[in-house]
Protein backbone atom coordinates (compact mmCIF):
# COMPACT_ATOMS: atom_id res chain seq x y z
CA MET A 1 -213.58 -89.77 38.64
CA ARG A 2 -212.73 -90.01 34.92
CA LYS A 3 -211.80 -86.16 34.79
CA ILE A 4 -209.38 -86.90 37.69
CA PHE A 5 -207.69 -89.70 35.72
CA VAL A 6 -207.84 -87.75 32.41
CA LEU A 7 -206.16 -84.64 34.37
CA ALA A 8 -203.53 -86.46 36.27
CA ALA A 9 -202.33 -88.19 32.78
CA LEU A 10 -202.89 -84.54 31.10
CA ILE A 11 -200.14 -82.84 34.49
CA LEU A 12 -198.03 -86.02 34.01
CA PHE A 13 -197.88 -85.71 29.74
CA VAL A 14 -196.58 -81.80 30.20
CA VAL A 15 -194.40 -82.24 32.96
CA SER A 16 -192.13 -85.14 31.27
CA ALA A 17 -192.54 -82.90 28.22
CA CYS A 18 -190.57 -80.36 29.91
CA ARG A 19 -186.83 -82.29 30.38
CA LYS A 20 -185.08 -84.45 27.99
CA THR A 21 -185.99 -88.50 28.82
CA ASP A 22 -183.41 -90.26 30.71
CA HIS A 23 -182.74 -94.01 28.00
CA SER A 24 -180.94 -96.78 29.13
CA ILE A 25 -181.85 -99.28 27.05
CA ASP A 26 -179.53 -100.14 24.05
CA ASP A 27 -182.39 -100.40 21.06
CA ILE A 28 -183.21 -96.78 21.43
CA SER A 29 -183.74 -95.12 17.72
CA ALA A 30 -182.06 -91.28 17.23
CA ASN A 31 -185.72 -90.06 17.21
CA GLU A 32 -186.50 -91.18 20.10
CA ILE A 33 -183.35 -90.07 22.15
CA PHE A 34 -183.85 -86.30 20.25
CA LYS A 35 -187.12 -85.12 19.75
CA GLU A 36 -187.79 -84.18 22.96
CA PRO A 37 -188.92 -81.33 23.79
CA ILE A 38 -186.85 -79.32 26.53
CA GLN A 39 -185.59 -76.35 28.45
CA ARG A 40 -182.25 -74.91 28.58
CA LYS A 41 -180.58 -76.65 31.49
CA CYS A 42 -177.04 -75.89 32.46
CA ALA A 43 -175.09 -77.49 35.88
CA SER A 44 -172.41 -75.50 36.02
CA HIS A 45 -173.38 -73.15 38.78
CA GLU A 46 -174.32 -76.67 40.79
CA ILE A 47 -171.82 -78.71 39.85
CA PHE A 48 -169.38 -75.11 40.73
CA GLU A 49 -171.24 -75.13 44.42
CA GLN A 50 -170.85 -78.85 44.97
CA GLN A 51 -166.94 -78.43 44.09
CA MET A 52 -166.71 -75.56 46.73
CA ASN A 53 -168.81 -76.72 49.72
CA SER A 54 -166.29 -79.89 48.59
CA ASP A 55 -163.10 -78.26 48.93
CA PRO A 56 -162.96 -74.99 51.41
CA LEU A 57 -159.32 -74.86 49.83
CA LEU A 58 -161.28 -74.31 46.13
CA ARG A 59 -163.66 -71.70 47.87
CA GLU A 60 -160.90 -69.75 49.21
CA LYS A 61 -158.39 -69.50 45.65
CA VAL A 62 -162.28 -69.13 43.73
CA LYS A 63 -162.30 -65.41 45.76
CA GLU A 64 -158.37 -64.96 44.91
CA ILE A 65 -159.48 -65.55 40.86
CA GLU A 66 -162.47 -62.86 41.87
CA GLU A 67 -160.02 -60.19 43.55
CA PHE A 68 -157.60 -60.90 40.80
CA THR A 69 -160.57 -60.01 38.25
CA GLN A 70 -161.34 -56.89 39.94
CA ARG A 71 -158.06 -55.68 39.93
CA ILE A 72 -157.28 -56.45 36.27
CA ILE A 73 -161.13 -54.89 35.06
CA ALA A 74 -160.17 -51.54 37.47
CA ASN A 75 -156.60 -51.35 35.80
CA SER A 76 -156.96 -51.56 32.12
CA GLU A 77 -153.11 -51.43 31.91
CA ASN A 78 -152.59 -54.74 33.23
CA PHE A 79 -154.03 -55.56 29.61
CA ARG A 80 -150.76 -54.46 28.38
CA LEU A 81 -149.77 -57.87 29.78
CA LEU A 82 -151.56 -60.08 27.14
CA PRO A 83 -149.93 -61.27 23.99
CA ASP A 84 -150.83 -59.52 21.49
CA GLY A 85 -153.03 -59.89 18.37
CA ILE A 86 -155.65 -62.83 19.10
CA ILE A 87 -155.31 -66.01 21.55
CA GLU A 88 -155.85 -69.39 19.97
CA ILE A 89 -157.30 -72.18 21.64
CA PRO A 90 -156.49 -75.17 20.99
CA VAL A 91 -159.43 -77.53 21.11
CA VAL A 92 -159.71 -81.66 22.02
CA VAL A 93 -163.23 -83.00 21.36
CA ASN A 94 -163.65 -86.28 22.99
CA VAL A 95 -166.66 -87.82 21.78
CA LEU A 96 -168.34 -90.81 23.67
CA TYR A 97 -171.34 -92.63 22.27
CA LYS A 98 -173.10 -96.30 22.94
CA THR A 99 -175.51 -95.56 19.75
CA THR A 100 -174.06 -94.91 16.21
CA ALA A 101 -175.87 -91.29 16.61
CA GLN A 102 -174.26 -90.66 19.37
CA ASN A 103 -171.37 -91.26 17.26
CA ILE A 104 -171.34 -87.63 15.57
CA SER A 105 -168.92 -86.81 12.07
CA ILE A 106 -166.39 -84.52 12.14
CA GLU A 107 -168.39 -82.40 10.25
CA GLN A 108 -170.75 -81.82 12.89
CA ILE A 109 -167.80 -80.89 15.34
CA GLN A 110 -166.48 -78.46 12.76
CA SER A 111 -169.26 -76.75 12.83
CA GLN A 112 -169.33 -76.24 16.38
CA ILE A 113 -165.81 -74.89 16.37
CA ASP A 114 -167.33 -72.09 13.60
CA VAL A 115 -169.67 -71.55 15.85
CA LEU A 116 -167.17 -70.58 18.57
CA ASN A 117 -165.37 -68.29 16.46
CA GLN A 118 -168.40 -66.76 15.23
CA ASP A 119 -169.62 -65.84 18.33
CA PHE A 120 -166.20 -64.67 20.44
CA SER A 121 -165.53 -62.16 17.14
CA ALA A 122 -168.76 -61.17 16.70
CA THR A 123 -169.28 -62.00 13.57
CA ASN A 124 -171.70 -64.43 13.64
CA ALA A 125 -174.94 -63.19 11.30
CA ASP A 126 -177.58 -62.67 14.33
CA TYR A 127 -174.82 -60.04 15.93
CA ASN A 128 -176.37 -56.98 15.08
CA THR A 129 -179.78 -57.60 15.56
CA ALA A 130 -181.52 -54.58 16.80
CA SER A 131 -181.98 -54.81 20.62
CA PRO A 132 -182.28 -52.21 23.52
CA PHE A 133 -178.27 -52.98 24.34
CA GLU A 134 -176.44 -52.03 21.33
CA ALA A 135 -173.88 -50.01 22.84
CA VAL A 136 -172.81 -52.23 25.38
CA ARG A 137 -171.94 -55.24 22.41
CA SER A 138 -168.38 -56.80 22.97
CA GLY A 139 -167.69 -56.48 19.80
CA ASP A 140 -164.67 -58.56 19.16
CA ILE A 141 -163.17 -60.73 21.96
CA ARG A 142 -160.61 -61.06 20.18
CA ILE A 143 -160.66 -65.23 21.15
CA ARG A 144 -159.94 -68.23 18.14
CA PHE A 145 -160.60 -71.79 18.76
CA VAL A 146 -158.40 -74.38 16.48
CA LEU A 147 -159.77 -78.33 16.65
CA ASP A 148 -156.32 -80.47 17.76
CA ASN A 149 -157.30 -83.55 18.14
CA VAL A 150 -160.95 -85.47 18.05
CA VAL A 151 -160.79 -88.75 20.47
CA ARG A 152 -163.68 -91.17 20.10
CA LEU A 153 -164.50 -94.20 23.04
CA LYS A 154 -167.51 -96.41 22.51
CA ALA A 155 -169.13 -96.33 25.83
CA LYS A 156 -170.72 -99.14 27.72
CA VAL A 157 -173.38 -96.91 28.93
CA GLN A 158 -175.76 -94.03 26.77
CA SER A 159 -176.46 -91.36 29.51
CA TRP A 160 -174.03 -89.92 31.34
CA PRO A 161 -174.54 -87.97 34.94
CA ILE A 162 -173.25 -84.30 35.66
CA ASN A 163 -170.86 -85.93 38.06
CA ASP A 164 -167.41 -85.78 35.92
CA ALA A 165 -167.53 -89.99 35.14
CA MET A 166 -166.74 -89.18 31.51
CA LYS A 167 -163.80 -87.23 32.49
CA LYS A 168 -162.45 -90.21 33.71
CA SER A 169 -161.29 -93.33 32.02
CA SER A 170 -161.49 -94.74 35.50
CA LYS A 171 -165.43 -94.61 35.58
CA GLY A 172 -165.55 -95.45 31.78
CA GLY A 173 -164.97 -92.21 30.29
CA ILE A 174 -162.07 -89.60 28.17
CA ASN A 175 -159.22 -88.18 30.66
CA PRO A 176 -158.50 -84.97 29.76
CA THR A 177 -155.30 -83.88 27.40
CA SER A 178 -153.09 -81.31 28.26
CA PRO A 179 -155.95 -79.28 30.08
CA GLN A 180 -153.53 -76.61 30.68
CA THR A 181 -153.12 -75.38 27.34
CA LYS A 182 -156.32 -77.57 25.75
CA LEU A 183 -159.76 -77.03 25.95
CA ASN A 184 -161.35 -80.13 26.43
CA PHE A 185 -164.54 -80.84 25.17
CA TRP A 186 -166.42 -84.35 26.09
CA VAL A 187 -168.84 -84.61 23.62
CA CYS A 188 -171.93 -87.41 25.25
CA ASN A 189 -175.54 -87.97 26.10
CA LEU A 190 -176.73 -86.57 29.36
CA THR A 191 -179.00 -87.44 31.92
CA SER A 192 -181.89 -85.19 33.59
CA GLY A 193 -182.51 -83.09 30.92
CA TYR A 194 -179.07 -81.16 31.42
CA LEU A 195 -177.81 -79.64 28.10
CA GLY A 196 -173.95 -79.20 29.30
CA TYR A 197 -172.16 -77.58 32.28
CA ALA A 198 -168.37 -76.43 32.14
CA GLN A 199 -165.59 -75.71 34.68
CA PHE A 200 -164.97 -72.77 36.24
CA PRO A 201 -161.58 -71.50 36.72
CA GLY A 202 -159.95 -72.64 39.14
CA GLY A 203 -160.46 -76.19 39.65
CA ASN A 204 -158.44 -79.96 39.28
CA ALA A 205 -157.30 -79.50 35.90
CA SER A 206 -158.06 -83.44 35.83
CA THR A 207 -161.91 -82.65 35.03
CA ASP A 208 -160.96 -79.41 33.38
CA GLY A 209 -162.99 -78.06 30.34
CA VAL A 210 -166.57 -78.38 28.94
CA VAL A 211 -169.21 -81.07 28.49
CA ILE A 212 -172.59 -80.74 26.36
CA ASP A 213 -175.33 -83.21 25.16
CA ASP A 214 -174.59 -84.51 22.23
CA ASN A 215 -177.84 -83.27 20.71
CA ALA A 216 -177.18 -79.56 21.45
CA PHE A 217 -173.20 -79.47 19.50
CA GLY A 218 -172.51 -77.55 16.87
CA THR A 219 -175.34 -76.91 13.61
CA ILE A 220 -175.56 -80.04 11.74
CA GLY A 221 -176.57 -83.66 12.91
CA ASN A 222 -178.99 -84.83 15.51
CA LEU A 223 -180.28 -82.22 17.23
CA TYR A 224 -183.22 -80.54 19.63
CA ASP A 225 -184.91 -77.70 17.73
CA ASP A 226 -184.26 -75.35 19.88
CA TYR A 227 -180.79 -76.03 20.29
CA ASN A 228 -179.00 -76.50 17.31
CA LYS A 229 -177.15 -73.47 16.61
CA GLY A 230 -173.83 -74.21 18.50
CA ARG A 231 -175.13 -71.30 21.76
CA THR A 232 -174.55 -74.17 24.27
CA ALA A 233 -171.42 -74.71 24.09
CA THR A 234 -170.61 -70.80 23.36
CA HIS A 235 -172.97 -70.82 26.92
CA GLU A 236 -170.78 -73.05 28.30
CA VAL A 237 -167.88 -71.63 27.40
CA GLY A 238 -168.23 -68.75 28.76
CA HIS A 239 -168.52 -70.65 32.38
CA TRP A 240 -164.92 -71.54 31.52
CA MET A 241 -163.51 -68.21 30.90
CA ASN A 242 -165.37 -66.55 34.52
CA LEU A 243 -168.30 -66.27 33.43
CA ARG A 244 -171.79 -66.41 35.64
CA HIS A 245 -175.34 -67.02 34.35
CA ILE A 246 -176.83 -63.58 33.82
CA TRP A 247 -179.32 -63.67 36.97
CA GLY A 248 -176.64 -64.68 39.09
CA ASP A 249 -178.12 -67.57 40.27
CA ALA A 250 -180.76 -65.59 42.52
CA ASN A 251 -183.42 -63.69 41.74
CA CYS A 252 -182.04 -60.70 41.14
CA GLY A 253 -178.85 -61.97 41.63
CA ASN A 254 -175.17 -60.66 40.74
CA ASP A 255 -173.38 -62.01 37.80
CA LEU A 256 -170.79 -59.88 38.74
CA VAL A 257 -170.36 -57.61 35.54
CA ASN A 258 -171.46 -53.74 35.68
CA ASP A 259 -173.15 -53.75 32.47
CA THR A 260 -175.38 -56.24 32.27
CA PRO A 261 -178.73 -55.53 33.86
CA VAL A 262 -180.31 -57.46 36.47
CA HIS A 263 -182.13 -59.59 35.79
CA THR A 264 -184.86 -61.61 38.44
CA THR A 265 -184.35 -65.11 36.72
CA SER A 266 -183.49 -66.99 34.35
CA ASN A 267 -185.75 -66.78 30.36
CA PHE A 268 -186.68 -69.77 28.07
CA GLY A 269 -187.54 -69.76 24.33
CA CYS A 270 -187.76 -66.79 22.80
CA PRO A 271 -189.33 -63.70 24.79
CA SER A 272 -190.43 -60.41 23.51
CA ASN A 273 -189.84 -57.10 25.10
CA ALA A 274 -189.14 -59.07 28.86
CA THR A 275 -189.10 -57.03 31.87
CA SER A 276 -187.67 -57.03 35.18
CA ASN A 277 -188.19 -55.35 38.74
CA CYS A 278 -185.43 -55.38 40.94
CA GLY A 279 -185.06 -52.86 43.53
CA GLY A 280 -188.36 -50.85 42.55
CA VAL A 281 -186.72 -50.70 39.03
CA LEU A 282 -188.44 -51.86 35.85
CA HIS A 283 -185.95 -52.16 32.55
CA PRO A 284 -185.78 -54.32 29.96
CA MET A 285 -183.99 -57.66 30.33
CA MET A 286 -180.75 -58.74 28.00
CA THR A 287 -182.39 -61.81 26.90
CA MET A 288 -180.24 -62.09 23.90
CA ASN A 289 -177.18 -63.05 25.93
CA TYR A 290 -175.52 -65.76 25.45
CA MET A 291 -175.34 -66.01 29.29
CA ASP A 292 -178.92 -66.26 29.88
CA TYR A 293 -181.09 -69.37 29.13
CA THR A 294 -182.64 -68.71 26.18
CA ASP A 295 -183.07 -70.66 22.55
CA ASP A 296 -180.34 -70.42 20.01
CA LEU A 297 -182.07 -68.69 17.63
CA CYS A 298 -182.90 -66.13 20.27
CA MET A 299 -179.00 -65.20 21.68
CA TYR A 300 -176.81 -63.78 20.25
CA MET A 301 -174.52 -61.31 22.17
CA PHE A 302 -171.93 -60.80 25.09
CA THR A 303 -171.09 -57.55 26.65
CA ALA A 304 -168.18 -55.22 26.67
CA ASP A 305 -167.59 -55.68 30.41
CA GLN A 306 -168.55 -59.65 29.98
CA LYS A 307 -164.99 -59.60 27.66
CA THR A 308 -163.23 -58.25 29.56
CA ARG A 309 -164.35 -60.38 32.60
CA MET A 310 -163.54 -63.29 30.30
CA LEU A 311 -159.79 -61.90 29.05
CA ALA A 312 -159.13 -61.01 32.54
CA VAL A 313 -158.42 -64.94 33.12
CA PHE A 314 -155.95 -65.17 30.63
CA ALA A 315 -153.86 -62.16 31.87
CA ALA A 316 -150.35 -62.23 33.41
CA GLY A 317 -151.18 -64.38 36.81
CA GLY A 318 -154.83 -65.12 35.29
CA SER A 319 -155.97 -69.09 36.47
CA ARG A 320 -156.00 -69.16 32.44
CA ASN A 321 -152.99 -67.84 31.18
CA SER A 322 -151.07 -70.71 29.73
CA PHE A 323 -153.64 -70.72 27.17
CA ALA A 324 -152.33 -67.26 26.27
CA GLN A 325 -148.33 -68.52 26.42
CA PRO A 326 -146.83 -68.29 22.78
């Protein structure tokens, strides 16, 4: 009987250690919030499916966006419609906090902007790490991010569910600032083990933007050990620019990108020589891609076709073309 009790206790410990713990009390310490070991968990696809299931018009709009994207990809001359040089994206960071630790510093915020600029310009220090996929690396995507404003709000709740409440003042959150021309981030403590989520192109402007857990934003501050390089935001901004998870959110699924290998599923941690067997073909998985679920330390690249897919949303007629206007 004692063995059964011990085994049950051990199982409970293992299960709890794989998720970020939810907290609702006010006097919890910063250490208790951010030191929980977790695996990367992104809600973008889940929210995307919920939005399309509740809004048939959105599903049709997403279909039109994909058809437009494929036309752009098939005809590179369309990129002449893009402005010359760099696309500069103003960023508004909305900080929702209940505790002092959650009210992240301006230095932490700027560290995240710096990571985005490095990752999207392929100037990140780990970009040239040896891998089987050197030939398809994106190079400079020619998108830059500039901190436009920081909005802070002392909230009534300590943790937020993934229901967009943090984006609405009527729900105790912060309404987005000029979402047609500014990328809004909401930085807050998320429930249920999620590190973040983004709204794909085509959704409602009133909820457009990216949500990141305060313990996974930037490179300084109270951060999770495995998610302290700012790559959660890189991953989510990829979604905001119309990239899917690299495994297509299904076993051997389709991420709609030609130069990424088919993945059986997501990868966690820092796998070495991970392989996939889809359609009877054994091949290496691109675990270093920003759109997988590996640790921040082990993701460092987009591909050339992912670059093309992201830039398509800024082309004339694209769903985010307003960001590319002078």
